[in-house]
Amino acid sequence: QALKEEKKDILSFYVEGTSFDTENYESVYLLFET
């Protein structure tokens, strides 16, 4: 998308994950910021 819109100086991609672990299940929540 950055290439398509010819963005050069103003762009950022950030993702942070949070994990949750119980006895029987493991989960991950990803938060993206672009």
ModelCIF file with pLDDT and N, C-alpha, C, O atoms, coordinates in Angstrom:
data_MODEL
#
_entry.id   MODEL 
#
_entity.id                         1 
_entity.type                       polymer 
_entity.pdbx_number_of_molecules   1 
#
_entity_poly.entity_id                      1 
_entity_poly.type                           'polypeptide(L)' 
_entity_poly.nstd_linkage                   no 
_entity_poly.nstd_monomer                   no 
_entity_poly.pdbx_seq_one_letter_code       QALKEEKKDILSFYVEGTSFDTENYESVYLLFET 
_entity_poly.pdbx_seq_one_letter_code_can   QALKEEKKDILSFYVEGTSFDTENYESVYLLFET 
_entity_poly.pdbx_strand_id                 A 
#
loop_
_entity_poly_seq.entity_id 
_entity_poly_seq.num 
_entity_poly_seq.mon_id 
_entity_poly_seq.hetero 
1 1  GLN n 
1 2  ALA n 
1 3  LEU n 
1 4  LYS n 
1 5  GLU n 
1 6  GLU n 
1 7  LYS n 
1 8  LYS n 
1 9  ASP n 
1 10 ILE n 
1 11 LEU n 
1 12 SER n 
1 13 PHE n 
1 14 TYR n 
1 15 VAL n 
1 16 GLU n 
1 17 GLY n 
1 18 THR n 
1 19 SER n 
1 20 PHE n 
1 21 ASP n 
1 22 THR n 
1 23 GLU n 
1 24 ASN n 
1 25 TYR n 
1 26 GLU n 
1 27 SER n 
1 28 VAL n 
1 29 TYR n 
1 30 LEU n 
1 31 LEU n 
1 32 PHE n 
1 33 GLU n 
1 34 THR n 
#
_struct_asym.id          A 
_struct_asym.entity_id   1 
#
loop_
_ma_qa_metric.id 
_ma_qa_metric.mode 
_ma_qa_metric.name 
_ma_qa_metric.software_group_id 
_ma_qa_metric.type 
1 global pLDDT . pLDDT 
2 local  pLDDT . pLDDT 
#
_ma_qa_metric_global.metric_id      1 
_ma_qa_metric_global.metric_value   89.79 
_ma_qa_metric_global.model_id       1 
_ma_qa_metric_global.ordinal_id     1 
#
loop_
_ma_qa_metric_local.label_asym_id 
_ma_qa_metric_local.label_comp_id 
_ma_qa_metric_local.label_seq_id 
_ma_qa_metric_local.metric_id 
_ma_qa_metric_local.metric_value 
_ma_qa_metric_local.model_id 
_ma_qa_metric_local.ordinal_id 
A GLN 1  2 88.00 1 1  
A ALA 2  2 85.00 1 2  
A LEU 3  2 85.00 1 3  
A LYS 4  2 85.00 1 4  
A GLU 5  2 80.00 1 5  
A GLU 6  2 76.00 1 6  
A LYS 7  2 69.00 1 7  
A LYS 8  2 64.00 1 8  
A ASP 9  2 65.00 1 9  
A ILE 10 2 69.00 1 10 
A LEU 11 2 83.00 1 11 
A SER 12 2 91.00 1 12 
A PHE 13 2 94.00 1 13 
A TYR 14 2 95.00 1 14 
A VAL 15 2 96.00 1 15 
A GLU 16 2 96.00 1 16 
A GLY 17 2 96.00 1 17 
A THR 18 2 96.00 1 18 
A SER 19 2 96.00 1 19 
A PHE 20 2 97.00 1 20 
A ASP 21 2 95.00 1 21 
A THR 22 2 95.00 1 22 
A GLU 23 2 94.00 1 23 
A ASN 24 2 95.00 1 24 
A TYR 25 2 97.00 1 25 
A GLU 26 2 97.00 1 26 
A SER 27 2 98.00 1 27 
A VAL 28 2 98.00 1 28 
A TYR 29 2 97.00 1 29 
A LEU 30 2 97.00 1 30 
A LEU 31 2 97.00 1 31 
A PHE 32 2 97.00 1 32 
A GLU 33 2 96.00 1 33 
A THR 34 2 94.00 1 34 
#
loop_
_atom_site.group_PDB 
_atom_site.id 
_atom_site.type_symbol 
_atom_site.label_atom_id 
_atom_site.label_alt_id 
_atom_site.label_comp_id 
_atom_site.label_asym_id 
_atom_site.label_entity_id 
_atom_site.label_seq_id 
_atom_site.pdbx_PDB_ins_code 
_atom_site.Cartn_x 
_atom_site.Cartn_y 
_atom_site.Cartn_z 
_atom_site.occupancy 
_atom_site.B_iso_or_equiv 
_atom_site.pdbx_formal_charge 
_atom_site.auth_seq_id 
_atom_site.auth_comp_id 
_atom_site.auth_asym_id 
_atom_site.auth_atom_id 
_atom_site.pdbx_PDB_model_num 
ATOM 1   N N  . GLN A 1 1  ? 0.826  -1.205  0.000  1.00 88.00 ? 1  GLN A N  1 
ATOM 2   C CA . GLN A 1 1  ? 0.000  0.000   0.000  1.00 88.00 ? 1  GLN A CA 1 
ATOM 3   C C  . GLN A 1 1  ? 0.859  1.254   0.000  1.00 88.00 ? 1  GLN A C  1 
ATOM 4   O O  . GLN A 1 1  ? 0.528  2.242   -0.654 1.00 88.00 ? 1  GLN A O  1 
ATOM 5   N N  . ALA A 1 2  ? 1.961  1.211   0.733  1.00 85.00 ? 2  ALA A N  1 
ATOM 6   C CA . ALA A 1 2  ? 2.874  2.352   0.770  1.00 85.00 ? 2  ALA A CA 1 
ATOM 7   C C  . ALA A 1 2  ? 3.464  2.618   -0.613 1.00 85.00 ? 2  ALA A C  1 
ATOM 8   O O  . ALA A 1 2  ? 3.592  3.769   -1.030 1.00 85.00 ? 2  ALA A O  1 
ATOM 9   N N  . LEU A 1 3  ? 3.818  1.558   -1.313 1.00 85.00 ? 3  LEU A N  1 
ATOM 10  C CA . LEU A 1 3  ? 4.351  1.713   -2.663 1.00 85.00 ? 3  LEU A CA 1 
ATOM 11  C C  . LEU A 1 3  ? 3.285  2.218   -3.624 1.00 85.00 ? 3  LEU A C  1 
ATOM 12  O O  . LEU A 1 3  ? 3.551  3.064   -4.478 1.00 85.00 ? 3  LEU A O  1 
ATOM 13  N N  . LYS A 1 4  ? 2.082  1.692   -3.475 1.00 85.00 ? 4  LYS A N  1 
ATOM 14  C CA . LYS A 1 4  ? 0.983  2.104   -4.349 1.00 85.00 ? 4  LYS A CA 1 
ATOM 15  C C  . LYS A 1 4  ? 0.675  3.587   -4.198 1.00 85.00 ? 4  LYS A C  1 
ATOM 16  O O  . LYS A 1 4  ? 0.406  4.278   -5.181 1.00 85.00 ? 4  LYS A O  1 
ATOM 17  N N  . GLU A 1 5  ? 0.718  4.070   -2.963 1.00 80.00 ? 5  GLU A N  1 
ATOM 18  C CA . GLU A 1 5  ? 0.408  5.474   -2.704 1.00 80.00 ? 5  GLU A CA 1 
ATOM 19  C C  . GLU A 1 5  ? 1.653  6.354   -2.771 1.00 80.00 ? 5  GLU A C  1 
ATOM 20  O O  . GLU A 1 5  ? 1.586  7.560   -2.534 1.00 80.00 ? 5  GLU A O  1 
ATOM 21  N N  . GLU A 1 6  ? 2.796  5.732   -3.098 1.00 76.00 ? 6  GLU A N  1 
ATOM 22  C CA . GLU A 1 6  ? 4.070  6.451   -3.226 1.00 76.00 ? 6  GLU A CA 1 
ATOM 23  C C  . GLU A 1 6  ? 4.422  7.221   -1.962 1.00 76.00 ? 6  GLU A C  1 
ATOM 24  O O  . GLU A 1 6  ? 4.879  8.362   -2.019 1.00 76.00 ? 6  GLU A O  1 
ATOM 25  N N  . LYS A 1 7  ? 4.205  6.582   -0.832 1.00 69.00 ? 7  LYS A N  1 
ATOM 26  C CA . LYS A 1 7  ? 4.578  7.193   0.434  1.00 69.00 ? 7  LYS A CA 1 
ATOM 27  C C  . LYS A 1 7  ? 6.069  6.976   0.670  1.00 69.00 ? 7  LYS A C  1 
ATOM 28  O O  . LYS A 1 7  ? 6.577  5.875   0.456  1.00 69.00 ? 7  LYS A O  1 
ATOM 29  N N  . LYS A 1 8  ? 6.760  8.002   1.103  1.00 64.00 ? 8  LYS A N  1 
ATOM 30  C CA . LYS A 1 8  ? 8.201  7.889   1.312  1.00 64.00 ? 8  LYS A CA 1 
ATOM 31  C C  . LYS A 1 8  ? 8.611  8.256   2.734  1.00 64.00 ? 8  LYS A C  1 
ATOM 32  O O  . LYS A 1 8  ? 9.247  7.463   3.429  1.00 64.00 ? 8  LYS A O  1 
ATOM 33  N N  . ASP A 1 9  ? 8.246  9.449   3.155  1.00 65.00 ? 9  ASP A N  1 
ATOM 34  C CA . ASP A 1 9  ? 8.728  9.936   4.448  1.00 65.00 ? 9  ASP A CA 1 
ATOM 35  C C  . ASP A 1 9  ? 7.762  9.653   5.593  1.00 65.00 ? 9  ASP A C  1 
ATOM 36  O O  . ASP A 1 9  ? 8.183  9.539   6.744  1.00 65.00 ? 9  ASP A O  1 
ATOM 37  N N  . ILE A 1 10 ? 6.468  9.539   5.286  1.00 69.00 ? 10 ILE A N  1 
ATOM 38  C CA . ILE A 1 10 ? 5.481  9.391   6.354  1.00 69.00 ? 10 ILE A CA 1 
ATOM 39  C C  . ILE A 1 10 ? 4.852  8.007   6.261  1.00 69.00 ? 10 ILE A C  1 
ATOM 40  O O  . ILE A 1 10 ? 3.925  7.780   5.484  1.00 69.00 ? 10 ILE A O  1 
ATOM 41  N N  . LEU A 1 11 ? 5.364  7.108   7.052  1.00 83.00 ? 11 LEU A N  1 
ATOM 42  C CA . LEU A 1 11 ? 4.728  5.805   7.143  1.00 83.00 ? 11 LEU A CA 1 
ATOM 43  C C  . LEU A 1 11 ? 5.234  5.090   8.386  1.00 83.00 ? 11 LEU A C  1 
ATOM 44  O O  . LEU A 1 11 ? 6.371  5.288   8.814  1.00 83.00 ? 11 LEU A O  1 
ATOM 45  N N  . SER A 1 12 ? 4.380  4.263   8.953  1.00 91.00 ? 12 SER A N  1 
ATOM 46  C CA . SER A 1 12 ? 4.795  3.469   10.109 1.00 91.00 ? 12 SER A CA 1 
ATOM 47  C C  . SER A 1 12 ? 3.895  2.244   10.224 1.00 91.00 ? 12 SER A C  1 
ATOM 48  O O  . SER A 1 12 ? 2.707  2.283   9.903  1.00 91.00 ? 12 SER A O  1 
ATOM 49  N N  . PHE A 1 13 ? 4.498  1.165   10.688 1.00 94.00 ? 13 PHE A N  1 
ATOM 50  C CA . PHE A 1 13 ? 3.784  -0.094  10.907 1.00 94.00 ? 13 PHE A CA 1 
ATOM 51  C C  . PHE A 1 13 ? 4.193  -0.609  12.271 1.00 94.00 ? 13 PHE A C  1 
ATOM 52  O O  . PHE A 1 13 ? 5.377  -0.788  12.558 1.00 94.00 ? 13 PHE A O  1 
ATOM 53  N N  . TYR A 1 14 ? 3.193  -0.845  13.106 1.00 95.00 ? 14 TYR A N  1 
ATOM 54  C CA . TYR A 1 14 ? 3.477  -1.290  14.473 1.00 95.00 ? 14 TYR A CA 1 
ATOM 55  C C  . TYR A 1 14 ? 2.495  -2.391  14.850 1.00 95.00 ? 14 TYR A C  1 
ATOM 56  O O  . TYR A 1 14 ? 1.295  -2.277  14.604 1.00 95.00 ? 14 TYR A O  1 
ATOM 57  N N  . VAL A 1 15 ? 3.009  -3.440  15.440 1.00 96.00 ? 15 VAL A N  1 
ATOM 58  C CA . VAL A 1 15 ? 2.126  -4.508  15.931 1.00 96.00 ? 15 VAL A CA 1 
ATOM 59  C C  . VAL A 1 15 ? 2.645  -4.969  17.282 1.00 96.00 ? 15 VAL A C  1 
ATOM 60  O O  . VAL A 1 15 ? 3.842  -5.178  17.481 1.00 96.00 ? 15 VAL A O  1 
ATOM 61  N N  . GLU A 1 16 ? 1.706  -5.121  18.197 1.00 96.00 ? 16 GLU A N  1 
ATOM 62  C CA . GLU A 1 16 ? 2.042  -5.620  19.527 1.00 96.00 ? 16 GLU A CA 1 
ATOM 63  C C  . GLU A 1 16 ? 1.114  -6.772  19.874 1.00 96.00 ? 16 GLU A C  1 
ATOM 64  O O  . GLU A 1 16 ? -0.104 -6.668  19.730 1.00 96.00 ? 16 GLU A O  1 
ATOM 65  N N  . GLY A 1 17 ? 1.693  -7.859  20.327 1.00 96.00 ? 17 GLY A N  1 
ATOM 66  C CA . GLY A 1 17 ? 0.907  -9.033  20.671 1.00 96.00 ? 17 GLY A CA 1 
ATOM 67  C C  . GLY A 1 17 ? 0.848  -9.263  22.164 1.00 96.00 ? 17 GLY A C  1 
ATOM 68  O O  . GLY A 1 17 ? 1.805  -8.994  22.891 1.00 96.00 ? 17 GLY A O  1 
ATOM 69  N N  . THR A 1 18 ? -0.293 -9.767  22.611 1.00 96.00 ? 18 THR A N  1 
ATOM 70  C CA . THR A 1 18 ? -0.488 -10.132 24.009 1.00 96.00 ? 18 THR A CA 1 
ATOM 71  C C  . THR A 1 18 ? -0.979 -11.570 24.064 1.00 96.00 ? 18 THR A C  1 
ATOM 72  O O  . THR A 1 18 ? -1.912 -11.934 23.347 1.00 96.00 ? 18 THR A O  1 
ATOM 73  N N  . SER A 1 19 ? -0.366 -12.384 24.899 1.00 96.00 ? 19 SER A N  1 
ATOM 74  C CA . SER A 1 19 ? -0.758 -13.786 24.989 1.00 96.00 ? 19 SER A CA 1 
ATOM 75  C C  . SER A 1 19 ? -1.517 -14.056 26.286 1.00 96.00 ? 19 SER A C  1 
ATOM 76  O O  . SER A 1 19 ? -1.285 -13.410 27.308 1.00 96.00 ? 19 SER A O  1 
ATOM 77  N N  . PHE A 1 20 ? -2.422 -15.018 26.218 1.00 97.00 ? 20 PHE A N  1 
ATOM 78  C CA . PHE A 1 20 ? -3.223 -15.433 27.362 1.00 97.00 ? 20 PHE A CA 1 
ATOM 79  C C  . PHE A 1 20 ? -3.129 -16.956 27.453 1.00 97.00 ? 20 PHE A C  1 
ATOM 80  O O  . PHE A 1 20 ? -3.374 -17.656 26.470 1.00 97.00 ? 20 PHE A O  1 
ATOM 81  N N  . ASP A 1 21 ? -2.782 -17.456 28.606 1.00 95.00 ? 21 ASP A N  1 
ATOM 82  C CA . ASP A 1 21 ? -2.558 -18.888 28.764 1.00 95.00 ? 21 ASP A CA 1 
ATOM 83  C C  . ASP A 1 21 ? -3.394 -19.422 29.921 1.00 95.00 ? 21 ASP A C  1 
ATOM 84  O O  . ASP A 1 21 ? -3.238 -18.981 31.060 1.00 95.00 ? 21 ASP A O  1 
ATOM 85  N N  . THR A 1 22 ? -4.275 -20.368 29.632 1.00 95.00 ? 22 THR A N  1 
ATOM 86  C CA . THR A 1 22 ? -5.036 -21.055 30.674 1.00 95.00 ? 22 THR A CA 1 
ATOM 87  C C  . THR A 1 22 ? -4.620 -22.524 30.671 1.00 95.00 ? 22 THR A C  1 
ATOM 88  O O  . THR A 1 22 ? -3.719 -22.921 29.933 1.00 95.00 ? 22 THR A O  1 
ATOM 89  N N  . GLU A 1 23 ? -5.274 -23.312 31.487 1.00 94.00 ? 23 GLU A N  1 
ATOM 90  C CA . GLU A 1 23 ? -4.895 -24.719 31.575 1.00 94.00 ? 23 GLU A CA 1 
ATOM 91  C C  . GLU A 1 23 ? -5.040 -25.447 30.243 1.00 94.00 ? 23 GLU A C  1 
ATOM 92  O O  . GLU A 1 23 ? -4.201 -26.275 29.887 1.00 94.00 ? 23 GLU A O  1 
ATOM 93  N N  . ASN A 1 24 ? -6.113 -25.132 29.507 1.00 95.00 ? 24 ASN A N  1 
ATOM 94  C CA . ASN A 1 24 ? -6.398 -25.872 28.273 1.00 95.00 ? 24 ASN A CA 1 
ATOM 95  C C  . ASN A 1 24 ? -6.287 -25.057 26.996 1.00 95.00 ? 24 ASN A C  1 
ATOM 96  O O  . ASN A 1 24 ? -6.313 -25.616 25.900 1.00 95.00 ? 24 ASN A O  1 
ATOM 97  N N  . TYR A 1 25 ? -6.162 -23.725 27.127 1.00 97.00 ? 25 TYR A N  1 
ATOM 98  C CA . TYR A 1 25 ? -6.171 -22.883 25.933 1.00 97.00 ? 25 TYR A CA 1 
ATOM 99  C C  . TYR A 1 25 ? -5.050 -21.854 25.968 1.00 97.00 ? 25 TYR A C  1 
ATOM 100 O O  . TYR A 1 25 ? -4.654 -21.361 27.025 1.00 97.00 ? 25 TYR A O  1 
ATOM 101 N N  . GLU A 1 26 ? -4.554 -21.548 24.771 1.00 97.00 ? 26 GLU A N  1 
ATOM 102 C CA . GLU A 1 26 ? -3.596 -20.458 24.617 1.00 97.00 ? 26 GLU A CA 1 
ATOM 103 C C  . GLU A 1 26 ? -4.129 -19.515 23.548 1.00 97.00 ? 26 GLU A C  1 
ATOM 104 O O  . GLU A 1 26 ? -4.518 -19.951 22.465 1.00 97.00 ? 26 GLU A O  1 
ATOM 105 N N  . SER A 1 27 ? -4.143 -18.228 23.853 1.00 98.00 ? 27 SER A N  1 
ATOM 106 C CA . SER A 1 27 ? -4.692 -17.226 22.940 1.00 98.00 ? 27 SER A CA 1 
ATOM 107 C C  . SER A 1 27 ? -3.680 -16.117 22.700 1.00 98.00 ? 27 SER A C  1 
ATOM 108 O O  . SER A 1 27 ? -2.818 -15.852 23.538 1.00 98.00 ? 27 SER A O  1 
ATOM 109 N N  . VAL A 1 28 ? -3.796 -15.473 21.546 1.00 98.00 ? 28 VAL A N  1 
ATOM 110 C CA . VAL A 1 28 ? -2.968 -14.310 21.234 1.00 98.00 ? 28 VAL A CA 1 
ATOM 111 C C  . VAL A 1 28 ? -3.846 -13.229 20.625 1.00 98.00 ? 28 VAL A C  1 
ATOM 112 O O  . VAL A 1 28 ? -4.672 -13.482 19.748 1.00 98.00 ? 28 VAL A O  1 
ATOM 113 N N  . TYR A 1 29 ? -3.640 -12.021 21.120 1.00 97.00 ? 29 TYR A N  1 
ATOM 114 C CA . TYR A 1 29 ? -4.356 -10.834 20.630 1.00 97.00 ? 29 TYR A CA 1 
ATOM 115 C C  . TYR A 1 29 ? -3.323 -9.912  19.988 1.00 97.00 ? 29 TYR A C  1 
ATOM 116 O O  . TYR A 1 29 ? -2.397 -9.449  20.655 1.00 97.00 ? 29 TYR A O  1 
ATOM 117 N N  . LEU A 1 30 ? -3.483 -9.646  18.692 1.00 97.00 ? 30 LEU A N  1 
ATOM 118 C CA . LEU A 1 30 ? -2.581 -8.769  17.960 1.00 97.00 ? 30 LEU A CA 1 
ATOM 119 C C  . LEU A 1 30 ? -3.253 -7.420  17.714 1.00 97.00 ? 30 LEU A C  1 
ATOM 120 O O  . LEU A 1 30 ? -4.365 -7.354  17.190 1.00 97.00 ? 30 LEU A O  1 
ATOM 121 N N  . LEU A 1 31 ? -2.574 -6.366  18.092 1.00 97.00 ? 31 LEU A N  1 
ATOM 122 C CA . LEU A 1 31 ? -3.051 -5.009  17.826 1.00 97.00 ? 31 LEU A CA 1 
ATOM 123 C C  . LEU A 1 31 ? -2.125 -4.378  16.795 1.00 97.00 ? 31 LEU A C  1 
ATOM 124 O O  . LEU A 1 31 ? -0.930 -4.209  17.042 1.00 97.00 ? 31 LEU A O  1 
ATOM 125 N N  . PHE A 1 32 ? -2.678 -4.034  15.648 1.00 97.00 ? 32 PHE A N  1 
ATOM 126 C CA . PHE A 1 32 ? -1.910 -3.413  14.570 1.00 97.00 ? 32 PHE A CA 1 
ATOM 127 C C  . PHE A 1 32 ? -2.189 -1.909  14.534 1.00 97.00 ? 32 PHE A C  1 
ATOM 128 O O  . PHE A 1 32 ? -3.314 -1.462  14.756 1.00 97.00 ? 32 PHE A O  1 
ATOM 129 N N  . GLU A 1 33 ? -1.148 -1.153  14.252 1.00 96.00 ? 33 GLU A N  1 
ATOM 130 C CA . GLU A 1 33 ? -1.295 0.282   14.014 1.00 96.00 ? 33 GLU A CA 1 
ATOM 131 C C  . GLU A 1 33 ? -0.502 0.631   12.760 1.00 96.00 ? 33 GLU A C  1 
ATOM 132 O O  . GLU A 1 33 ? 0.700  0.375   12.683 1.00 96.00 ? 33 GLU A O  1 
ATOM 133 N N  . THR A 1 34 ? -1.176 1.209   11.789 1.00 94.00 ? 34 THR A N  1 
ATOM 134 C CA . THR A 1 34 ? -0.512 1.610   10.551 1.00 94.00 ? 34 THR A CA 1 
ATOM 135 C C  . THR A 1 34 ? -0.779 3.085   10.282 1.00 94.00 ? 34 THR A C  1 
ATOM 136 O O  . THR A 1 34 ? -0.307 3.625   9.281  1.00 94.00 ? 34 THR A O  1 
#
